[in-house]
C-alpha atoms as a PDB file:
ATOM      1  CA  MET A   1       6.566  16.523 -12.832  1.00  0.00           C
ATOM      2  CA  LYS A   2       7.375  19.963 -11.397  1.00  0.00           C
ATOM      3  CA  ALA A   3      10.479  21.444 -11.257  1.00  0.00           C
ATOM      4  CA  GLY A   4      13.207  20.070  -9.309  1.00  0.00           C
ATOM      5  CA  THR A   5      10.927  17.184  -8.201  1.00  0.00           C
ATOM      6  CA  SER A   6      13.195  13.702  -9.144  1.00  0.00           C
ATOM      7  CA  TRP A   7      11.073  10.408  -9.727  1.00  0.00           C
ATOM      8  CA  ALA A   8      12.945   9.360  -6.388  1.00  0.00           C
ATOM      9  CA  ASP A   9      10.359  11.979  -4.979  1.00  0.00           C
ATOM     10  CA  LYS A  10       7.892  10.950  -6.837  1.00  0.00           C
ATOM     11  CA  LEU A  11       7.688   7.300  -5.628  1.00  0.00           C
ATOM     12  CA  ARG A  12       8.104   8.680  -1.854  1.00  0.00           C
ATOM     13  CA  ASP A  13       5.342  11.464  -2.326  1.00  0.00           C
ATOM     14  CA  GLY A  14       3.309   9.457   0.534  1.00  0.00           C
ATOM     15  CA  LYS A  15       0.275   8.481  -1.442  1.00  0.00           C
ATOM     16  CA  GLN A  16      -1.787   5.703  -0.175  1.00  0.00           C
ATOM     17  CA  HIS A  17      -3.286   2.867  -2.187  1.00  0.00           C
ATOM     18  CA  GLN A  18      -7.290   3.073  -2.434  1.00  0.00           C
ATOM     19  CA  VAL A  19      -9.665   0.304  -2.803  1.00  0.00           C
ATOM     20  CA  LYS A  20     -12.552   1.566  -5.003  1.00  0.00           C
ATOM     21  CA  VAL A  21     -15.680  -0.007  -6.528  1.00  0.00           C
ATOM     22  CA  VAL A  22     -15.002   0.054 -10.451  1.00  0.00           C
ATOM     23  CA  PRO A  23     -17.473   2.313 -11.766  1.00  0.00           C
ATOM     24  CA  ILE A  24     -17.899   1.543 -15.110  1.00  0.00           C
ATOM     25  CA  ASN A  25     -17.031  -1.472 -17.518  1.00  0.00           C
ATOM     26  CA  ILE A  26     -13.519  -0.313 -18.642  1.00  0.00           C
ATOM     27  CA  ALA A  27      -9.722  -1.691 -19.327  1.00  0.00           C
ATOM     28  CA  GLY A  28     -11.037  -5.499 -18.893  1.00  0.00           C
ATOM     29  CA  MET A  29     -12.539  -4.540 -15.288  1.00  0.00           C
ATOM     30  CA  LYS A  30     -16.475  -5.111 -14.682  1.00  0.00           C
ATOM     31  CA  LYS A  31     -18.546  -2.521 -13.244  1.00  0.00           C
ATOM     32  CA  GLY A  32     -19.043  -3.433  -9.722  1.00  0.00           C
ATOM     33  CA  GLN A  33     -15.466  -5.022  -8.650  1.00  0.00           C
ATOM     34  CA  MET A  34     -13.902  -4.386  -6.252  1.00  0.00           C
ATOM     35  CA  MET A  35     -10.709  -2.514  -7.486  1.00  0.00           C
ATOM     36  CA  LEU A  36      -7.147  -1.973  -6.056  1.00  0.00           C
ATOM     37  CA  VAL A  37      -5.637   1.705  -6.808  1.00  0.00           C
ATOM     38  CA  PRO A  38      -2.223   0.992  -6.021  1.00  0.00           C
ATOM     39  CA  SER A  39       0.323   3.595  -5.071  1.00  0.00           C
ATOM     40  CA  ALA A  40       4.240   3.702  -5.933  1.00  0.00           C
ATOM     41  CA  ARG A  41       5.319   2.707  -2.993  1.00  0.00           C
ATOM     42  CA  ILE A  42       3.540  -0.603  -2.858  1.00  0.00           C
ATOM     43  CA  VAL A  43       4.137  -1.435  -6.567  1.00  0.00           C
ATOM     44  CA  ASP A  44       7.550  -0.460  -5.550  1.00  0.00           C
ATOM     45  CA  ALA A  45       7.956  -2.686  -2.217  1.00  0.00           C
ATOM     46  CA  PHE A  46       6.050  -5.218  -4.407  1.00  0.00           C
ATOM     47  CA  ILE A  47       8.431  -5.472  -7.336  1.00  0.00           C
ATOM     48  CA  ARG A  48      11.761  -4.943  -5.107  1.00  0.00           C
ATOM     49  CA  ARG A  49      10.393  -8.561  -3.087  1.00  0.00           C
ATOM     50  CA  LEU A  50      10.847 -10.542  -6.556  1.00  0.00           C
ATOM     51  CA  PRO A  51      14.059 -12.694  -5.911  1.00  0.00           C
ATOM     52  CA  GLU A  52      16.598 -12.673  -8.507  1.00  0.00           C
ATOM     53  CA  GLY A  53      15.532 -14.976 -11.496  1.00  0.00           C
ATOM     54  CA  ARG A  54      11.833 -14.360 -10.601  1.00  0.00           C
ATOM     55  CA  LEU A  55       9.871 -12.726 -13.501  1.00  0.00           C
ATOM     56  CA  LEU A  56       6.299 -11.532 -13.542  1.00  0.00           C
ATOM     57  CA  ASP A  57       4.469  -9.678 -16.270  1.00  0.00           C
ATOM     58  CA  THR A  58       2.223  -6.948 -15.608  1.00  0.00           C
ATOM     59  CA  ARG A  59      -0.374  -8.760 -15.838  1.00  0.00           C
ATOM     60  CA  GLU A  60       0.369 -11.373 -12.971  1.00  0.00           C
ATOM     61  CA  LEU A  61       2.038  -8.385 -10.950  1.00  0.00           C
ATOM     62  CA  ARG A  62      -1.618  -6.807 -10.811  1.00  0.00           C
ATOM     63  CA  ALA A  63      -3.579 -10.186  -9.986  1.00  0.00           C
ATOM     64  CA  ARG A  64      -0.950 -10.632  -6.894  1.00  0.00           C
ATOM     65  CA  LEU A  65      -1.354  -7.331  -5.636  1.00  0.00           C
ATOM     66  CA  ALA A  66      -5.069  -7.498  -5.589  1.00  0.00           C
ATOM     67  CA  ARG A  67      -4.764 -10.493  -4.156  1.00  0.00           C
ATOM     68  CA  LYS A  68      -2.553  -8.914  -1.211  1.00  0.00           C
ATOM     69  CA  TYR A  69      -5.307  -6.083  -1.399  1.00  0.00           C
ATOM     70  CA  HIS A  70      -7.922  -8.305  -1.209  1.00  0.00           C
ATOM     71  CA  THR A  71      -9.962  -6.960  -4.083  1.00  0.00           C
ATOM     72  CA  GLU A  72     -11.048  -8.418  -7.204  1.00  0.00           C
ATOM     73  CA  VAL A  73      -8.943  -6.453  -9.878  1.00  0.00           C
ATOM     74  CA  THR A  74      -5.955  -3.857 -10.014  1.00  0.00           C
ATOM     75  CA  CYS A  75      -6.338  -0.620 -11.859  1.00  0.00           C
ATOM     76  CA  PRO A  76      -4.073  -1.268 -14.854  1.00  0.00           C
ATOM     77  CA  ILE A  77      -4.428   2.343 -16.017  1.00  0.00           C
ATOM     78  CA  THR A  78      -3.173   3.158 -13.372  1.00  0.00           C
ATOM     79  CA  MET A  79      -0.535   0.617 -12.364  1.00  0.00           C
ATOM     80  CA  GLY A  80       1.072   2.113 -16.382  1.00  0.00           C
ATOM     81  CA  PHE A  81       1.710   5.291 -14.419  1.00  0.00           C
ATOM     82  CA  ILE A  82       3.072   4.040 -11.077  1.00  0.00           C
ATOM     83  CA  LEU A  83       5.387   1.288 -13.172  1.00  0.00           C
ATOM     84  CA  ARG A  84       6.586   4.478 -15.185  1.00  0.00           C
ATOM     85  CA  ILE A  85       7.115   5.951 -12.054  1.00  0.00           C
ATOM     86  CA  VAL A  86       9.057   3.114 -10.048  1.00  0.00           C
ATOM     87  CA  ALA A  87      11.263   2.712 -13.377  1.00  0.00           C
ATOM     88  CA  GLU A  88      12.146   6.127 -13.711  1.00  0.00           C
ATOM     89  CA  ALA A  89      13.030   5.969  -9.900  1.00  0.00           C
ATOM     90  CA  ALA A  90      15.283   2.675 -10.690  1.00  0.00           C
ATOM     91  CA  TRP A  91      16.974   4.868 -13.615  1.00  0.00           C
ATOM     92  CA  GLU A  92      18.026   7.652 -11.676  1.00  0.00           C
ATOM     93  CA  ALA A  93      18.848   5.442  -8.704  1.00  0.00           C
ATOM     94  CA  ARG A  94      21.249   3.236 -11.762  1.00  0.00           C
ATOM     95  CA  GLN A  95      22.685   6.269 -12.707  1.00  0.00           C
ATOM     96  CA  ALA A  96      23.949   7.682  -9.560  1.00  0.00           C
ATOM     97  CA  GLY A  97      25.856   5.152  -9.089  1.00  0.00           C
ATOM     98  CA  ALA A  98      23.567   2.696  -6.364  1.00  0.00           C
ATOM     99  CA  ALA A  99      24.928  -0.995  -5.872  1.00  0.00           C
ATOM    100  CA  LYS A 100      21.795  -3.235  -7.849  1.00  0.00           C
ATOM    101  CA  GLY A 101      20.717  -4.220  -4.716  1.00  0.00           C
ATOM    102  CA  ASP A 102      19.767  -0.900  -3.995  1.00  0.00           C
ATOM    103  CA  ILE A 103      17.850  -0.438  -7.559  1.00  0.00           C
ATOM    104  CA  THR A 104      14.250  -1.879  -7.552  1.00  0.00           C
ATOM    105  CA  PRO A 105      14.434  -4.466 -10.138  1.00  0.00           C
ATOM    106  CA  VAL A 106      11.974  -3.558 -12.458  1.00  0.00           C
ATOM    107  CA  TRP A 107      13.611  -5.856 -15.314  1.00  0.00           C
ATOM    108  CA  ARG A 108      11.871  -8.491 -13.221  1.00  0.00           C
ATOM    109  CA  VAL A 109       8.358  -7.024 -14.430  1.00  0.00           C
ATOM    110  CA  LEU A 110       8.679  -5.072 -17.788  1.00  0.00           C
ATOM    111  CA  ASP A 111       9.932  -7.023 -20.302  1.00  0.00           C
ATOM    112  CA  GLU A 112      11.338  -5.864 -23.873  1.00  0.00           C
ATOM    113  CA  ASP A 113       7.224  -5.204 -25.097  1.00  0.00           C
ATOM    114  CA  SER A 114       6.492  -3.122 -22.021  1.00  0.00           C
ATOM    115  CA  LEU A 115       5.406   0.478 -23.375  1.00  0.00           C
ATOM    116  CA  THR A 116       6.364   1.763 -20.204  1.00  0.00           C
ATOM    117  CA  LEU A 117      10.345   0.982 -21.192  1.00  0.00           C
ATOM    118  CA  LYS A 118       9.662   1.723 -24.787  1.00  0.00           C
ATOM    119  CA  LYS A 119       9.688   5.682 -22.853  1.00  0.00           C
ATOM    120  CA  LEU A 120      12.834   5.480 -21.450  1.00  0.00           C
ATOM    121  CA  PRO A 121      15.232   3.837 -24.742  1.00  0.00           C
ATOM    122  CA  LYS A 122      18.457   4.453 -22.119  1.00  0.00           C
ATOM    123  CA  ALA A 123      17.272   2.790 -19.067  1.00  0.00           C
ATOM    124  CA  ALA A 124      15.259  -0.192 -21.103  1.00  0.00           C
ATOM    125  CA  ALA A 125      18.784  -1.158 -22.845  1.00  0.00           C
ATOM    126  CA  ALA A 126      20.391  -1.919 -19.382  1.00  0.00           C
ATOM    127  CA  PHE A 127      17.680  -3.158 -17.756  1.00  0.00           C
ATOM    128  CA  PHE A 128      17.286  -6.001 -20.540  1.00  0.00           C
ATOM    129  CA  HIS A 129      20.745  -6.671 -20.094  1.00  0.00           C
ATOM    130  CA  THR A 130      20.267  -7.180 -16.622  1.00  0.00           C
ATOM    131  CA  ARG A 131      17.198  -9.281 -17.111  1.00  0.00           C
ATOM    132  CA  ARG A 132      18.767 -11.718 -19.533  1.00  0.00           C
ATOM    133  CA  ALA A 133      21.852 -11.530 -16.848  1.00  0.00           C
ATOM    134  CA  GLU A 134      19.361 -12.996 -14.527  1.00  0.00           C
ATOM    135  CA  GLU A 135      17.488 -15.753 -16.693  1.00  0.00           C
ATOM    136  CA  ALA A 136      21.128 -16.728 -17.780  1.00  0.00           C
ATOM    137  CA  ALA A 137      21.948 -17.448 -14.513  1.00  0.00           C
END
């Protein structure tokens, strides 16, 4: 990340999603399938619309985005990078004192087994606490 660039800046960078043909068999995708290469903004917007108590795993998130954008698959490799941006931006917002309703609820998609949150131990602990509180409600 460039010096002075926040994760929120990366989230708002203006890059658009793309639809491409999968060029080779890779990461569970088959050559020739139509693939969504998501942008951070569409992933963030989708997660923000998840109601409290509604949990999805990343596989279901990719499937739903693929359906929404009329493709067969969503690139899992790009999704990993994008989820990192969304999670880091959510953590920045939380650290800045944003209200829960103003923070992207990444805890509804990322669980204790998430590789993304394993890179963010402080954020992970806070997000898991929020996830468990929603599950108990």
